[in-house]
């Protein structure tokens, strides 16, 4: 489940909004997106995968508590970890620009 969007790392590109298949995020003009419908998250990791700033953390565990939009210091290490695991992380040659799935969501 989507758990955290780091406002300091977010570059307001809104790719997470575009790629989310369940419309979890709301776009905010001039600011970072808002996790508006966390309960709709299907833990597909698309938002974390496409985030070029590694500003998102999707937990593989279900968590429906009000505190679930925060992360612990230990969990901060997981920001962008899914991207890294699939080869889209920083300092890795990426093919993300070749994937046009987000274009379908316009």
PDB file of N, CA and C in Angstrom:
ATOM      1  N   UNK A   1       0.838  -1.176   0.000  1.00  0.00           N
ATOM      2  CA  UNK A   1       0.000   0.000   0.000  1.00  0.00           C
ATOM      3  C   UNK A   1       0.886   1.243   0.000  1.00  0.00           C
ATOM      4  N   UNK A   2       0.493   2.267  -0.772  1.00  0.00           N
ATOM      5  CA  UNK A   2       1.242   3.526  -0.775  1.00  0.00           C
ATOM      6  C   UNK A   2       1.273   4.059   0.650  1.00  0.00           C
ATOM      7  N   UNK A   3       2.471   4.375   1.094  1.00  0.00           N
ATOM      8  CA  UNK A   3       2.600   4.776   2.485  1.00  0.00           C
ATOM      9  C   UNK A   3       3.122   6.191   2.657  1.00  0.00           C
ATOM     10  N   UNK A   4       3.961   6.651   1.736  1.00  0.00           N
ATOM     11  CA  UNK A   4       4.615   7.938   1.998  1.00  0.00           C
ATOM     12  C   UNK A   4       5.066   8.601   0.713  1.00  0.00           C
ATOM     13  N   UNK A   5       4.914   9.918   0.672  1.00  0.00           N
ATOM     14  CA  UNK A   5       5.456  10.765  -0.388  1.00  0.00           C
ATOM     15  C   UNK A   5       6.292  11.824   0.311  1.00  0.00           C
ATOM     16  N   UNK A   6       7.592  11.817   0.066  1.00  0.00           N
ATOM     17  CA  UNK A   6       8.504  12.748   0.726  1.00  0.00           C
ATOM     18  C   UNK A   6       8.417  14.115   0.043  1.00  0.00           C
ATOM     19  N   UNK A   7       7.874  15.118   0.730  1.00  0.00           N
ATOM     20  CA  UNK A   7       7.716  16.435   0.103  1.00  0.00           C
ATOM     21  C   UNK A   7       9.040  17.121  -0.211  1.00  0.00           C
ATOM     22  N   UNK A   8      10.102  16.743   0.493  1.00  0.00           N
ATOM     23  CA  UNK A   8      11.413  17.342   0.232  1.00  0.00           C
ATOM     24  C   UNK A   8      12.081  16.756  -1.003  1.00  0.00           C
ATOM     25  N   UNK A   9      11.783  15.509  -1.315  1.00  0.00           N
ATOM     26  CA  UNK A   9      12.382  14.862  -2.482  1.00  0.00           C
ATOM     27  C   UNK A   9      11.528  15.035  -3.733  1.00  0.00           C
ATOM     28  N   UNK A  10      10.234  15.201  -3.576  1.00  0.00           N
ATOM     29  CA  UNK A  10       9.314  15.281  -4.713  1.00  0.00           C
ATOM     30  C   UNK A  10       9.653  16.470  -5.612  1.00  0.00           C
ATOM     31  N   UNK A  11       9.693  16.211  -6.915  1.00  0.00           N
ATOM     32  CA  UNK A  11      10.000  17.275  -7.886  1.00  0.00           C
ATOM     33  C   UNK A  11       8.743  17.723  -8.642  1.00  0.00           C
ATOM     34  N   UNK A  12       7.588  17.350  -8.166  1.00  0.00           N
ATOM     35  CA  UNK A  12       6.268  17.716  -8.713  1.00  0.00           C
ATOM     36  C   UNK A  12       6.110  17.397 -10.198  1.00  0.00           C
ATOM     37  N   UNK A  13       6.672  16.259 -10.621  1.00  0.00           N
ATOM     38  CA  UNK A  13       6.544  15.851 -12.024  1.00  0.00           C
ATOM     39  C   UNK A  13       5.176  15.214 -12.299  1.00  0.00           C
ATOM     40  N   UNK A  14       4.518  14.744 -11.251  1.00  0.00           N
ATOM     41  CA  UNK A  14       3.189  14.127 -11.329  1.00  0.00           C
ATOM     42  C   UNK A  14       3.133  12.829 -12.117  1.00  0.00           C
ATOM     43  N   UNK A  15       4.276  12.177 -12.314  1.00  0.00           N
ATOM     44  CA  UNK A  15       4.251  10.871 -12.973  1.00  0.00           C
ATOM     45  C   UNK A  15       3.469   9.863 -12.140  1.00  0.00           C
ATOM     46  N   UNK A  16       3.560   9.963 -10.821  1.00  0.00           N
ATOM     47  CA  UNK A  16       2.811   9.038  -9.962  1.00  0.00           C
ATOM     48  C   UNK A  16       1.308   9.173 -10.204  1.00  0.00           C
ATOM     49  N   UNK A  17       0.854  10.396 -10.409  1.00  0.00           N
ATOM     50  CA  UNK A  17      -0.568  10.640 -10.684  1.00  0.00           C
ATOM     51  C   UNK A  17      -0.954   9.989 -12.011  1.00  0.00           C
ATOM     52  N   UNK A  18      -0.089  10.150 -13.001  1.00  0.00           N
ATOM     53  CA  UNK A  18      -0.385   9.638 -14.342  1.00  0.00           C
ATOM     54  C   UNK A  18      -0.376   8.117 -14.424  1.00  0.00           C
ATOM     55  N   UNK A  19       0.538   7.461 -13.700  1.00  0.00           N
ATOM     56  CA  UNK A  19       0.679   6.016 -13.859  1.00  0.00           C
ATOM     57  C   UNK A  19      -0.181   5.199 -12.906  1.00  0.00           C
ATOM     58  N   UNK A  20      -0.746   5.805 -11.895  1.00  0.00           N
ATOM     59  CA  UNK A  20      -1.525   5.051 -10.911  1.00  0.00           C
ATOM     60  C   UNK A  20      -2.802   4.495 -11.541  1.00  0.00           C
ATOM     61  N   UNK A  21      -2.960   3.174 -11.583  1.00  0.00           N
ATOM     62  CA  UNK A  21      -4.136   2.595 -12.227  1.00  0.00           C
ATOM     63  C   UNK A  21      -5.425   2.725 -11.407  1.00  0.00           C
ATOM     64  N   UNK A  22      -5.304   3.077 -10.128  1.00  0.00           N
ATOM     65  CA  UNK A  22      -6.503   3.189  -9.294  1.00  0.00           C
ATOM     66  C   UNK A  22      -6.773   4.604  -8.810  1.00  0.00           C
ATOM     67  N   UNK A  23      -6.086   5.600  -9.404  1.00  0.00           N
ATOM     68  CA  UNK A  23      -6.360   7.002  -9.124  1.00  0.00           C
ATOM     69  C   UNK A  23      -6.222   7.344  -7.638  1.00  0.00           C
ATOM     70  N   UNK A  24      -5.132   6.915  -7.035  1.00  0.00           N
ATOM     71  CA  UNK A  24      -4.890   7.141  -5.610  1.00  0.00           C
ATOM     72  C   UNK A  24      -4.489   8.584  -5.322  1.00  0.00           C
ATOM     73  N   UNK A  25      -3.793   9.220  -6.261  1.00  0.00           N
ATOM     74  CA  UNK A  25      -3.241  10.561  -6.050  1.00  0.00           C
ATOM     75  C   UNK A  25      -4.141  11.648  -6.634  1.00  0.00           C
ATOM     76  N   UNK A  26      -4.065  12.828  -6.027  1.00  0.00           N
ATOM     77  CA  UNK A  26      -4.656  14.035  -6.599  1.00  0.00           C
ATOM     78  C   UNK A  26      -3.518  14.962  -6.991  1.00  0.00           C
ATOM     79  N   UNK A  27      -3.563  15.480  -8.202  1.00  0.00           N
ATOM     80  CA  UNK A  27      -2.580  16.454  -8.670  1.00  0.00           C
ATOM     81  C   UNK A  27      -2.882  17.793  -8.009  1.00  0.00           C
ATOM     82  N   UNK A  28      -1.822  18.477  -7.559  1.00  0.00           N
ATOM     83  CA  UNK A  28      -1.955  19.790  -6.950  1.00  0.00           C
ATOM     84  C   UNK A  28      -1.054  20.730  -7.739  1.00  0.00           C
ATOM     85  N   UNK A  29      -1.630  21.706  -8.402  1.00  0.00           N
ATOM     86  CA  UNK A  29      -0.860  22.637  -9.219  1.00  0.00           C
ATOM     87  C   UNK A  29       0.160  23.376  -8.360  1.00  0.00           C
ATOM     88  N   UNK A  30       1.417  23.324  -8.781  1.00  0.00           N
ATOM     89  CA  UNK A  30       2.492  24.027  -8.095  1.00  0.00           C
ATOM     90  C   UNK A  30       2.971  23.366  -6.814  1.00  0.00           C
ATOM     91  N   UNK A  31       2.527  22.164  -6.538  1.00  0.00           N
ATOM     92  CA  UNK A  31       2.933  21.457  -5.326  1.00  0.00           C
ATOM     93  C   UNK A  31       2.974  19.960  -5.602  1.00  0.00           C
ATOM     94  N   UNK A  32       3.452  19.211  -4.621  1.00  0.00           N
ATOM     95  CA  UNK A  32       3.499  17.762  -4.800  1.00  0.00           C
ATOM     96  C   UNK A  32       2.084  17.183  -4.755  1.00  0.00           C
ATOM     97  N   UNK A  33       1.888  16.041  -5.406  1.00  0.00           N
ATOM     98  CA  UNK A  33       0.575  15.390  -5.386  1.00  0.00           C
ATOM     99  C   UNK A  33       0.206  14.985  -3.956  1.00  0.00           C
ATOM    100  N   UNK A  34      -1.059  14.707  -3.779  1.00  0.00           N
ATOM    101  CA  UNK A  34      -1.570  14.288  -2.477  1.00  0.00           C
ATOM    102  C   UNK A  34      -2.026  12.835  -2.588  1.00  0.00           C
ATOM    103  N   UNK A  35      -1.682  12.039  -1.587  1.00  0.00           N
ATOM    104  CA  UNK A  35      -2.211  10.676  -1.503  1.00  0.00           C
ATOM    105  C   UNK A  35      -3.634  10.821  -0.973  1.00  0.00           C
ATOM    106  N   UNK A  36      -4.593  10.842  -1.885  1.00  0.00           N
ATOM    107  CA  UNK A  36      -5.973  11.173  -1.533  1.00  0.00           C
ATOM    108  C   UNK A  36      -6.850   9.956  -1.249  1.00  0.00           C
ATOM    109  N   UNK A  37      -6.536   8.845  -1.880  1.00  0.00           N
ATOM    110  CA  UNK A  37      -7.363   7.644  -1.727  1.00  0.00           C
ATOM    111  C   UNK A  37      -6.476   6.436  -1.458  1.00  0.00           C
ATOM    112  N   UNK A  38      -5.787   6.482  -0.331  1.00  0.00           N
ATOM    113  CA  UNK A  38      -4.845   5.433   0.026  1.00  0.00           C
ATOM    114  C   UNK A  38      -5.519   4.065   0.039  1.00  0.00           C
ATOM    115  N   UNK A  39      -6.739   4.008   0.476  1.00  0.00           N
ATOM    116  CA  UNK A  39      -7.456   2.729   0.570  1.00  0.00           C
ATOM    117  C   UNK A  39      -7.682   2.079  -0.797  1.00  0.00           C
ATOM    118  N   UNK A  40      -7.546   2.851  -1.875  1.00  0.00           N
ATOM    119  CA  UNK A  40      -7.708   2.315  -3.224  1.00  0.00           C
ATOM    120  C   UNK A  40      -6.418   1.717  -3.787  1.00  0.00           C
ATOM    121  N   UNK A  41      -5.298   1.928  -3.078  1.00  0.00           N
ATOM    122  CA  UNK A  41      -4.000   1.425  -3.547  1.00  0.00           C
ATOM    123  C   UNK A  41      -4.021  -0.098  -3.604  1.00  0.00           C
ATOM    124  N   UNK A  42      -3.561  -0.629  -4.738  1.00  0.00           N
ATOM    125  CA  UNK A  42      -3.493  -2.077  -4.925  1.00  0.00           C
ATOM    126  C   UNK A  42      -2.061  -2.603  -4.837  1.00  0.00           C
ATOM    127  N   UNK A  43      -1.161  -1.762  -4.343  1.00  0.00           N
ATOM    128  CA  UNK A  43       0.233  -2.142  -4.138  1.00  0.00           C
ATOM    129  C   UNK A  43       0.877  -2.667  -5.423  1.00  0.00           C
ATOM    130  N   UNK A  44       0.663  -1.943  -6.509  1.00  0.00           N
ATOM    131  CA  UNK A  44       1.251  -2.348  -7.787  1.00  0.00           C
ATOM    132  C   UNK A  44       2.664  -1.800  -7.965  1.00  0.00           C
ATOM    133  N   UNK A  45       3.050  -0.834  -7.133  1.00  0.00           N
ATOM    134  CA  UNK A  45       4.379  -0.216  -7.143  1.00  0.00           C
ATOM    135  C   UNK A  45       4.648   0.658  -8.368  1.00  0.00           C
ATOM    136  N   UNK A  46       3.657   0.903  -9.198  1.00  0.00           N
ATOM    137  CA  UNK A  46       3.882   1.726 -10.395  1.00  0.00           C
ATOM    138  C   UNK A  46       4.353   3.126 -10.021  1.00  0.00           C
ATOM    139  N   UNK A  47       3.752   3.742  -8.999  1.00  0.00           N
ATOM    140  CA  UNK A  47       4.143   5.095  -8.617  1.00  0.00           C
ATOM    141  C   UNK A  47       5.598   5.141  -8.160  1.00  0.00           C
ATOM    142  N   UNK A  48       5.986   4.185  -7.330  1.00  0.00           N
ATOM    143  CA  UNK A  48       7.367   4.140  -6.850  1.00  0.00           C
ATOM    144  C   UNK A  48       8.330   3.858  -8.002  1.00  0.00           C
ATOM    145  N   UNK A  49       7.934   3.008  -8.905  1.00  0.00           N
ATOM    146  CA  UNK A  49       8.770   2.653 -10.044  1.00  0.00           C
ATOM    147  C   UNK A  49       9.040   3.865 -10.938  1.00  0.00           C
ATOM    148  N   UNK A  50       8.023   4.647 -11.216  1.00  0.00           N
ATOM    149  CA  UNK A  50       8.169   5.778 -12.127  1.00  0.00           C
ATOM    150  C   UNK A  50       8.722   7.042 -11.474  1.00  0.00           C
ATOM    151  N   UNK A  51       8.749   7.118 -10.165  1.00  0.00           N
ATOM    152  CA  UNK A  51       9.202   8.338  -9.482  1.00  0.00           C
ATOM    153  C   UNK A  51      10.696   8.563  -9.708  1.00  0.00           C
ATOM    154  N   UNK A  52      11.071   9.575 -10.494  1.00  0.00           N
ATOM    155  CA  UNK A  52      12.485   9.799 -10.790  1.00  0.00           C
ATOM    156  C   UNK A  52      13.269  10.352  -9.605  1.00  0.00           C
ATOM    157  N   UNK A  53      12.562  10.844  -8.579  1.00  0.00           N
ATOM    158  CA  UNK A  53      13.232  11.434  -7.422  1.00  0.00           C
ATOM    159  C   UNK A  53      13.293  10.484  -6.229  1.00  0.00           C
ATOM    160  N   UNK A  54      12.792   9.267  -6.382  1.00  0.00           N
ATOM    161  CA  UNK A  54      12.730   8.304  -5.276  1.00  0.00           C
ATOM    162  C   UNK A  54      12.058   8.920  -4.050  1.00  0.00           C
ATOM    163  N   UNK A  55      10.955   9.588  -4.288  1.00  0.00           N
ATOM    164  CA  UNK A  55      10.241  10.277  -3.215  1.00  0.00           C
ATOM    165  C   UNK A  55       9.074   9.483  -2.655  1.00  0.00           C
ATOM    166  N   UNK A  56       8.851   8.271  -3.156  1.00  0.00           N
ATOM    167  CA  UNK A  56       7.705   7.481  -2.729  1.00  0.00           C
ATOM    168  C   UNK A  56       8.134   6.186  -2.059  1.00  0.00           C
ATOM    169  N   UNK A  57       7.301   5.761  -1.110  1.00  0.00           N
ATOM    170  CA  UNK A  57       7.497   4.459  -0.491  1.00  0.00           C
ATOM    171  C   UNK A  57       6.173   3.712  -0.520  1.00  0.00           C
ATOM    172  N   UNK A  58       6.178   2.568  -1.172  1.00  0.00           N
ATOM    173  CA  UNK A  58       5.021   1.675  -1.196  1.00  0.00           C
ATOM    174  C   UNK A  58       5.378   0.487  -0.317  1.00  0.00           C
ATOM    175  N   UNK A  59       4.605   0.279   0.712  1.00  0.00           N
ATOM    176  CA  UNK A  59       4.847  -0.847   1.606  1.00  0.00           C
ATOM    177  C   UNK A  59       4.197  -2.096   1.027  1.00  0.00           C
ATOM    178  N   UNK A  60       4.890  -3.212   1.059  1.00  0.00           N
ATOM    179  CA  UNK A  60       4.279  -4.448   0.580  1.00  0.00           C
ATOM    180  C   UNK A  60       3.243  -4.994   1.558  1.00  0.00           C
ATOM    181  N   UNK A  61       3.151  -4.389   2.741  1.00  0.00           N
ATOM    182  CA  UNK A  61       2.213  -4.836   3.764  1.00  0.00           C
ATOM    183  C   UNK A  61       0.970  -3.957   3.794  1.00  0.00           C
ATOM    184  N   UNK A  62      -0.215  -4.526   3.980  1.00  0.00           N
ATOM    185  CA  UNK A  62      -1.427  -3.713   4.089  1.00  0.00           C
ATOM    186  C   UNK A  62      -1.412  -2.935   5.397  1.00  0.00           C
ATOM    187  N   UNK A  63      -1.850  -1.687   5.347  1.00  0.00           N
ATOM    188  CA  UNK A  63      -1.869  -0.843   6.539  1.00  0.00           C
ATOM    189  C   UNK A  63      -2.943   0.210   6.355  1.00  0.00           C
ATOM    190  N   UNK A  64      -4.024   0.086   7.043  1.00  0.00           N
ATOM    191  CA  UNK A  64      -5.140   1.025   6.900  1.00  0.00           C
ATOM    192  C   UNK A  64      -5.293   1.956   8.088  1.00  0.00           C
ATOM    193  N   UNK A  65      -4.216   2.222   8.818  1.00  0.00           N
ATOM    194  CA  UNK A  65      -4.312   3.097   9.980  1.00  0.00           C
ATOM    195  C   UNK A  65      -4.090   4.546   9.568  1.00  0.00           C
ATOM    196  N   UNK A  66      -4.567   5.450  10.368  1.00  0.00           N
ATOM    197  CA  UNK A  66      -4.428   6.877  10.071  1.00  0.00           C
ATOM    198  C   UNK A  66      -2.966   7.305  10.044  1.00  0.00           C
ATOM    199  N   UNK A  67      -2.117   6.620  10.798  1.00  0.00           N
ATOM    200  CA  UNK A  67      -0.694   6.967  10.851  1.00  0.00           C
ATOM    201  C   UNK A  67       0.074   6.421   9.654  1.00  0.00           C
ATOM    202  N   UNK A  68      -0.583   5.745   8.766  1.00  0.00           N
ATOM    203  CA  UNK A  68       0.125   5.043   7.700  1.00  0.00           C
ATOM    204  C   UNK A  68       0.716   5.958   6.627  1.00  0.00           C
ATOM    205  N   UNK A  69       0.469   7.248   6.674  1.00  0.00           N
ATOM    206  CA  UNK A  69       1.062   8.157   5.705  1.00  0.00           C
ATOM    207  C   UNK A  69       2.381   8.733   6.203  1.00  0.00           C
ATOM    208  N   UNK A  70       2.932   8.136   7.234  1.00  0.00           N
ATOM    209  CA  UNK A  70       4.244   8.512   7.749  1.00  0.00           C
ATOM    210  C   UNK A  70       5.129   7.264   7.714  1.00  0.00           C
ATOM    211  N   UNK A  71       6.439   7.495   7.774  1.00  0.00           N
ATOM    212  CA  UNK A  71       7.360   6.351   7.806  1.00  0.00           C
ATOM    213  C   UNK A  71       8.364   6.547   8.925  1.00  0.00           C
ATOM    214  N   UNK A  72       8.916   5.443   9.375  1.00  0.00           N
ATOM    215  CA  UNK A  72       9.947   5.467  10.404  1.00  0.00           C
ATOM    216  C   UNK A  72      11.301   5.744   9.760  1.00  0.00           C
ATOM    217  N   UNK A  73      12.284   6.033  10.571  1.00  0.00           N
ATOM    218  CA  UNK A  73      13.646   6.241  10.058  1.00  0.00           C
ATOM    219  C   UNK A  73      14.150   4.998   9.333  1.00  0.00           C
ATOM    220  N   UNK A  74      13.801   3.832   9.847  1.00  0.00           N
ATOM    221  CA  UNK A  74      14.222   2.587   9.204  1.00  0.00           C
ATOM    222  C   UNK A  74      13.589   2.461   7.820  1.00  0.00           C
ATOM    223  N   UNK A  75      12.329   2.868   7.701  1.00  0.00           N
ATOM    224  CA  UNK A  75      11.636   2.762   6.418  1.00  0.00           C
ATOM    225  C   UNK A  75      12.141   3.777   5.402  1.00  0.00           C
ATOM    226  N   UNK A  76      12.741   4.882   5.851  1.00  0.00           N
ATOM    227  CA  UNK A  76      13.279   5.877   4.928  1.00  0.00           C
ATOM    228  C   UNK A  76      14.286   5.258   3.971  1.00  0.00           C
ATOM    229  N   UNK A  77      14.984   4.244   4.429  1.00  0.00           N
ATOM    230  CA  UNK A  77      15.977   3.560   3.586  1.00  0.00           C
ATOM    231  C   UNK A  77      15.312   2.860   2.405  1.00  0.00           C
ATOM    232  N   UNK A  78      14.011   2.628   2.483  1.00  0.00           N
ATOM    233  CA  UNK A  78      13.297   1.938   1.423  1.00  0.00           C
ATOM    234  C   UNK A  78      12.770   2.872   0.335  1.00  0.00           C
ATOM    235  N   UNK A  79      12.913   4.181   0.493  1.00  0.00           N
ATOM    236  CA  UNK A  79      12.458   5.115  -0.537  1.00  0.00           C
ATOM    237  C   UNK A  79      13.163   4.788  -1.846  1.00  0.00           C
ATOM    238  N   UNK A  80      12.394   4.466  -2.863  1.00  0.00           N
ATOM    239  CA  UNK A  80      12.957   4.145  -4.170  1.00  0.00           C
ATOM    240  C   UNK A  80      13.568   2.759  -4.278  1.00  0.00           C
ATOM    241  N   UNK A  81      13.399   1.934  -3.265  1.00  0.00           N
ATOM    242  CA  UNK A  81      14.041   0.615  -3.284  1.00  0.00           C
ATOM    243  C   UNK A  81      13.480  -0.295  -4.376  1.00  0.00           C
ATOM    244  N   UNK A  82      12.219  -0.156  -4.689  1.00  0.00           N
ATOM    245  CA  UNK A  82      11.650  -0.991  -5.747  1.00  0.00           C
ATOM    246  C   UNK A  82      12.264  -0.616  -7.102  1.00  0.00           C
ATOM    247  N   UNK A  83      12.395   0.682  -7.354  1.00  0.00           N
ATOM    248  CA  UNK A  83      13.052   1.146  -8.591  1.00  0.00           C
ATOM    249  C   UNK A  83      14.441   0.545  -8.720  1.00  0.00           C
ATOM    250  N   UNK A  84      15.182   0.572  -7.635  1.00  0.00           N
ATOM    251  CA  UNK A  84      16.540   0.035  -7.627  1.00  0.00           C
ATOM    252  C   UNK A  84      16.533  -1.465  -7.906  1.00  0.00           C
ATOM    253  N   UNK A  85      15.596  -2.170  -7.293  1.00  0.00           N
ATOM    254  CA  UNK A  85      15.532  -3.629  -7.441  1.00  0.00           C
ATOM    255  C   UNK A  85      15.232  -4.059  -8.879  1.00  0.00           C
ATOM    256  N   UNK A  86      14.480  -3.249  -9.607  1.00  0.00           N
ATOM    257  CA  UNK A  86      14.140  -3.623 -10.982  1.00  0.00           C
ATOM    258  C   UNK A  86      15.048  -2.949 -12.017  1.00  0.00           C
ATOM    259  N   UNK A  87      16.081  -2.249 -11.532  1.00  0.00           N
ATOM    260  CA  UNK A  87      17.062  -1.677 -12.446  1.00  0.00           C
ATOM    261  C   UNK A  87      16.793  -0.265 -12.915  1.00  0.00           C
ATOM    262  N   UNK A  88      15.846   0.432 -12.263  1.00  0.00           N
ATOM    263  CA  UNK A  88      15.554   1.802 -12.655  1.00  0.00           C
ATOM    264  C   UNK A  88      16.112   2.816 -11.658  1.00  0.00           C
ATOM    265  N   UNK A  89      16.953   2.399 -10.732  1.00  0.00           N
ATOM    266  CA  UNK A  89      17.463   3.275  -9.683  1.00  0.00           C
ATOM    267  C   UNK A  89      18.497   4.260 -10.173  1.00  0.00           C
ATOM    268  N   UNK A  90      18.900   5.147  -9.263  1.00  0.00           N
ATOM    269  CA  UNK A  90      19.915   6.149  -9.570  1.00  0.00           C
ATOM    270  C   UNK A  90      21.211   5.461  -9.995  1.00  0.00           C
ATOM    271  N   UNK A  91      21.903   6.078 -10.928  1.00  0.00           N
ATOM    272  CA  UNK A  91      23.169   5.582 -11.450  1.00  0.00           C
ATOM    273  C   UNK A  91      23.044   4.238 -12.172  1.00  0.00           C
ATOM    274  N   UNK A  92      21.839   3.883 -12.574  1.00  0.00           N
ATOM    275  CA  UNK A  92      21.641   2.689 -13.385  1.00  0.00           C
ATOM    276  C   UNK A  92      21.107   3.143 -14.727  1.00  0.00           C
ATOM    277  N   UNK A  93      21.479   2.430 -15.760  1.00  0.00           N
ATOM    278  CA  UNK A  93      20.950   2.762 -17.074  1.00  0.00           C
ATOM    279  C   UNK A  93      19.481   2.353 -17.100  1.00  0.00           C
ATOM    280  N   UNK A  94      18.636   3.290 -17.396  1.00  0.00           N
ATOM    281  CA  UNK A  94      17.201   3.033 -17.335  1.00  0.00           C
ATOM    282  C   UNK A  94      16.574   2.979 -18.717  1.00  0.00           C
ATOM    283  N   UNK A  95      15.506   2.238 -18.800  1.00  0.00           N
ATOM    284  CA  UNK A  95      14.702   2.197 -20.017  1.00  0.00           C
ATOM    285  C   UNK A  95      13.335   2.837 -19.760  1.00  0.00           C
ATOM    286  N   UNK A  96      13.210   3.537 -18.651  1.00  0.00           N
ATOM    287  CA  UNK A  96      11.925   4.131 -18.270  1.00  0.00           C
ATOM    288  C   UNK A  96      11.389   5.074 -19.343  1.00  0.00           C
ATOM    289  N   UNK A  97      12.261   5.803 -20.005  1.00  0.00           N
ATOM    290  CA  UNK A  97      11.798   6.745 -21.027  1.00  0.00           C
ATOM    291  C   UNK A  97      11.171   6.030 -22.214  1.00  0.00           C
ATOM    292  N   UNK A  98      11.503   4.758 -22.368  1.00  0.00           N
ATOM    293  CA  UNK A  98      10.933   3.976 -23.460  1.00  0.00           C
ATOM    294  C   UNK A  98       9.532   3.454 -23.151  1.00  0.00           C
ATOM    295  N   UNK A  99       9.163   3.454 -21.879  1.00  0.00           N
ATOM    296  CA  UNK A  99       7.859   2.950 -21.465  1.00  0.00           C
ATOM    297  C   UNK A  99       6.850   4.090 -21.510  1.00  0.00           C
ATOM    298  N   UNK A 100       5.901   3.993 -22.382  1.00  0.00           N
ATOM    299  CA  UNK A 100       4.944   5.074 -22.591  1.00  0.00           C
ATOM    300  C   UNK A 100       3.590   4.809 -21.938  1.00  0.00           C
ATOM    301  N   UNK A 101       3.555   3.908 -20.947  1.00  0.00           N
ATOM    302  CA  UNK A 101       2.284   3.604 -20.275  1.00  0.00           C
ATOM    303  C   UNK A 101       1.611   4.863 -19.731  1.00  0.00           C
ATOM    304  N   UNK A 102       2.399   5.767 -19.148  1.00  0.00           N
ATOM    305  CA  UNK A 102       1.820   6.977 -18.564  1.00  0.00           C
ATOM    306  C   UNK A 102       1.110   7.843 -19.617  1.00  0.00           C
ATOM    307  N   UNK A 103       1.494   7.709 -20.872  1.00  0.00           N
ATOM    308  CA  UNK A 103       0.824   8.456 -21.946  1.00  0.00           C
ATOM    309  C   UNK A 103      -0.642   8.020 -22.110  1.00  0.00           C
ATOM    310  N   UNK A 104      -0.935   6.785 -21.789  1.00  0.00           N
ATOM    311  CA  UNK A 104      -2.296   6.283 -21.889  1.00  0.00           C
ATOM    312  C   UNK A 104      -3.216   6.886 -20.838  1.00  0.00           C
ATOM    313  N   UNK A 105      -2.647   7.403 -19.761  1.00  0.00           N
ATOM    314  CA  UNK A 105      -3.432   7.926 -18.649  1.00  0.00           C
ATOM    315  C   UNK A 105      -3.788   9.400 -18.802  1.00  0.00           C
ATOM    316  N   UNK A 106      -3.400  10.034 -19.888  1.00  0.00           N
ATOM    317  CA  UNK A 106      -3.673  11.468 -20.074  1.00  0.00           C
ATOM    318  C   UNK A 106      -5.143  11.736 -20.285  1.00  0.00           C
TER     319      UNK A 106
END
